[in-house]
Amino acid sequence: MKYSKFAVASLLMLAFSACNQPGPPGPQGAPGNTGNTGNTGNTGNTGNTGSTGNTGAPGDTGNTGATGDTGNTGATGNTGATGNTGNPGNTGNPGAPGAPSTPPR
């Protein structure tokens, strides 16, 4: 049994060297899962406000307005001053002669 340790070591080396030989290639693996969808990109900045438009042309002149209502009648004027005294009248004609007198009784 002197050489039994040597024999065991030789057998072990033989066994290990046989285990180190590469085996045949395995079957092809299943396809991998599809990757996740990427994140949505950021929204772009709002555009600048446009310039103010030009002033429009002046409008047409309007129609002539209607004639206004007639005004109210004015107030009655003040009474006039009294007129001057008239000239003296003409002298009258002479009177008719008187009736004859009757004698006393």
C-alpha atoms as a PDB file:
ATOM      1  CA  MET A   1       0.000   0.000   0.000  1.00  0.00           C
ATOM      2  CA  LYS A   2       2.961   2.195  -0.312  1.00  0.00           C
ATOM      3  CA  TYR A   3       1.969   3.347  -3.700  1.00  0.00           C
ATOM      4  CA  SER A   4      -1.734   3.669  -3.077  1.00  0.00           C
ATOM      5  CA  LYS A   5      -1.512   7.415  -2.402  1.00  0.00           C
ATOM      6  CA  PHE A   6       0.341   7.844  -5.649  1.00  0.00           C
ATOM      7  CA  ALA A   7      -2.195   5.795  -7.538  1.00  0.00           C
ATOM      8  CA  VAL A   8      -5.104   7.732  -6.079  1.00  0.00           C
ATOM      9  CA  ALA A   9      -3.430  11.048  -6.968  1.00  0.00           C
ATOM     10  CA  SER A  10      -2.793   9.846 -10.537  1.00  0.00           C
ATOM     11  CA  LEU A  11      -6.378   8.739 -10.940  1.00  0.00           C
ATOM     12  CA  LEU A  12      -7.658  12.041  -9.589  1.00  0.00           C
ATOM     13  CA  MET A  13      -5.441  13.967 -12.025  1.00  0.00           C
ATOM     14  CA  LEU A  14      -6.694  11.868 -14.869  1.00  0.00           C
ATOM     15  CA  ALA A  15     -10.288  12.441 -13.854  1.00  0.00           C
ATOM     16  CA  PHE A  16      -9.827  16.192 -13.503  1.00  0.00           C
ATOM     17  CA  SER A  17      -8.045  16.487 -16.833  1.00  0.00           C
ATOM     18  CA  ALA A  18     -10.986  14.727 -18.501  1.00  0.00           C
ATOM     19  CA  CYS A  19     -13.415  17.164 -16.894  1.00  0.00           C
ATOM     20  CA  ASN A  20     -11.510  20.156 -18.269  1.00  0.00           C
ATOM     21  CA  GLN A  21     -12.160  19.276 -21.899  1.00  0.00           C
ATOM     22  CA  PRO A  22     -14.807  21.559 -23.504  1.00  0.00           C
ATOM     23  CA  GLY A  23     -18.078  19.863 -24.324  1.00  0.00           C
ATOM     24  CA  PRO A  24     -20.140  20.330 -27.496  1.00  0.00           C
ATOM     25  CA  PRO A  25     -21.804  23.777 -27.958  1.00  0.00           C
ATOM     26  CA  GLY A  26     -25.203  24.112 -26.347  1.00  0.00           C
ATOM     27  CA  PRO A  27     -28.407  24.997 -28.214  1.00  0.00           C
ATOM     28  CA  GLN A  28     -29.004  28.625 -29.220  1.00  0.00           C
ATOM     29  CA  GLY A  29     -30.625  30.723 -26.502  1.00  0.00           C
ATOM     30  CA  ALA A  30     -34.115  32.182 -26.861  1.00  0.00           C
ATOM     31  CA  PRO A  31     -34.300  35.751 -28.269  1.00  0.00           C
ATOM     32  CA  GLY A  32     -34.103  38.482 -25.645  1.00  0.00           C
ATOM     33  CA  ASN A  33     -37.101  40.650 -24.643  1.00  0.00           C
ATOM     34  CA  THR A  34     -37.782  43.875 -26.557  1.00  0.00           C
ATOM     35  CA  GLY A  35     -36.390  46.921 -24.775  1.00  0.00           C
ATOM     36  CA  ASN A  36     -38.675  49.534 -23.132  1.00  0.00           C
ATOM     37  CA  THR A  37     -39.892  52.486 -25.181  1.00  0.00           C
ATOM     38  CA  GLY A  38     -37.856  55.657 -24.594  1.00  0.00           C
ATOM     39  CA  ASN A  39     -39.304  58.700 -22.781  1.00  0.00           C
ATOM     40  CA  THR A  40     -41.230  61.317 -24.770  1.00  0.00           C
ATOM     41  CA  GLY A  41     -39.122  64.363 -25.652  1.00  0.00           C
ATOM     42  CA  ASN A  42     -39.756  67.789 -24.087  1.00  0.00           C
ATOM     43  CA  THR A  43     -42.295  70.149 -25.684  1.00  0.00           C
ATOM     44  CA  GLY A  44     -40.722  72.951 -27.712  1.00  0.00           C
ATOM     45  CA  ASN A  45     -40.873  76.606 -26.645  1.00  0.00           C
ATOM     46  CA  THR A  46     -43.839  78.773 -27.695  1.00  0.00           C
ATOM     47  CA  GLY A  47     -43.104  80.960 -30.714  1.00  0.00           C
ATOM     48  CA  ASN A  48     -42.867  84.767 -30.514  1.00  0.00           C
ATOM     49  CA  THR A  49     -45.989  86.912 -30.902  1.00  0.00           C
ATOM     50  CA  GLY A  50     -46.403  88.437 -34.360  1.00  0.00           C
ATOM     51  CA  SER A  51     -46.108  92.187 -35.023  1.00  0.00           C
ATOM     52  CA  THR A  52     -49.183  94.416 -34.819  1.00  0.00           C
ATOM     53  CA  GLY A  53     -50.886  94.979 -38.188  1.00  0.00           C
ATOM     54  CA  ASN A  54     -51.007  98.342 -39.997  1.00  0.00           C
ATOM     55  CA  THR A  55     -53.753 100.868 -39.204  1.00  0.00           C
ATOM     56  CA  GLY A  56     -56.761 100.528 -41.507  1.00  0.00           C
ATOM     57  CA  ALA A  57     -57.822 103.215 -44.007  1.00  0.00           C
ATOM     58  CA  PRO A  58     -60.168 105.969 -42.714  1.00  0.00           C
ATOM     59  CA  GLY A  59     -63.877 105.179 -43.006  1.00  0.00           C
ATOM     60  CA  ASP A  60     -66.307 106.967 -45.367  1.00  0.00           C
ATOM     61  CA  THR A  61     -67.902 110.250 -44.245  1.00  0.00           C
ATOM     62  CA  GLY A  62     -71.309 109.702 -42.663  1.00  0.00           C
ATOM     63  CA  ASN A  63     -74.601 110.960 -44.126  1.00  0.00           C
ATOM     64  CA  THR A  64     -75.876 114.469 -43.288  1.00  0.00           C
ATOM     65  CA  GLY A  65     -77.981 114.473 -40.152  1.00  0.00           C
ATOM     66  CA  ALA A  66     -81.761 115.110 -40.208  1.00  0.00           C
ATOM     67  CA  THR A  67     -83.064 118.693 -39.851  1.00  0.00           C
ATOM     68  CA  GLY A  68     -83.738 119.659 -36.256  1.00  0.00           C
ATOM     69  CA  ASP A  69     -87.244 120.384 -34.892  1.00  0.00           C
ATOM     70  CA  THR A  70     -88.699 123.915 -35.230  1.00  0.00           C
ATOM     71  CA  GLY A  71     -88.079 126.041 -32.151  1.00  0.00           C
ATOM     72  CA  ASN A  72     -90.867 127.171 -29.755  1.00  0.00           C
ATOM     73  CA  THR A  73     -92.791 130.404 -30.431  1.00  0.00           C
ATOM     74  CA  GLY A  74     -91.237 133.416 -28.724  1.00  0.00           C
ATOM     75  CA  ALA A  75     -92.928 135.190 -25.784  1.00  0.00           C
ATOM     76  CA  THR A  76     -95.304 138.105 -26.439  1.00  0.00           C
ATOM     77  CA  GLY A  77     -93.555 141.471 -26.418  1.00  0.00           C
ATOM     78  CA  ASN A  78     -94.147 144.205 -23.791  1.00  0.00           C
ATOM     79  CA  THR A  79     -97.041 146.662 -24.194  1.00  0.00           C
ATOM     80  CA  GLY A  80     -96.043 149.772 -26.078  1.00  0.00           C
ATOM     81  CA  ALA A  81     -95.968 153.276 -24.491  1.00  0.00           C
ATOM     82  CA  THR A  82     -99.113 155.463 -24.616  1.00  0.00           C
ATOM     83  CA  GLY A  83     -99.235 157.679 -27.661  1.00  0.00           C
ATOM     84  CA  ASN A  84     -98.985 161.498 -27.541  1.00  0.00           C
ATOM     85  CA  THR A  85    -102.121 163.595 -27.041  1.00  0.00           C
ATOM     86  CA  GLY A  86    -103.810 164.457 -30.302  1.00  0.00           C
ATOM     87  CA  ASN A  87    -104.134 167.947 -31.721  1.00  0.00           C
ATOM     88  CA  PRO A  88    -107.162 170.005 -30.657  1.00  0.00           C
ATOM     89  CA  GLY A  89    -110.183 169.391 -32.829  1.00  0.00           C
ATOM     90  CA  ASN A  90    -111.542 171.916 -35.314  1.00  0.00           C
ATOM     91  CA  THR A  91    -113.952 174.566 -34.107  1.00  0.00           C
ATOM     92  CA  GLY A  92    -117.530 173.513 -34.602  1.00  0.00           C
ATOM     93  CA  ASN A  93    -119.990 175.198 -36.892  1.00  0.00           C
ATOM     94  CA  PRO A  94    -122.043 178.019 -35.421  1.00  0.00           C
ATOM     95  CA  GLY A  95    -125.208 176.863 -33.732  1.00  0.00           C
ATOM     96  CA  ALA A  96    -128.673 177.316 -35.322  1.00  0.00           C
ATOM     97  CA  PRO A  97    -130.559 180.415 -34.361  1.00  0.00           C
ATOM     98  CA  GLY A  98    -132.696 180.065 -31.293  1.00  0.00           C
ATOM     99  CA  ALA A  99    -136.513 179.813 -31.390  1.00  0.00           C
ATOM    100  CA  PRO A 100    -138.385 183.115 -30.946  1.00  0.00           C
ATOM    101  CA  SER A 101    -139.171 183.806 -27.374  1.00  0.00           C
ATOM    102  CA  THR A 102    -142.691 183.656 -26.150  1.00  0.00           C
ATOM    103  CA  PRO A 103    -144.112 186.803 -24.435  1.00  0.00           C
ATOM    104  CA  PRO A 104    -144.885 186.380 -20.794  1.00  0.00           C
ATOM    105  CA  ARG A 105    -148.523 185.884 -19.856  1.00  0.00           C
END
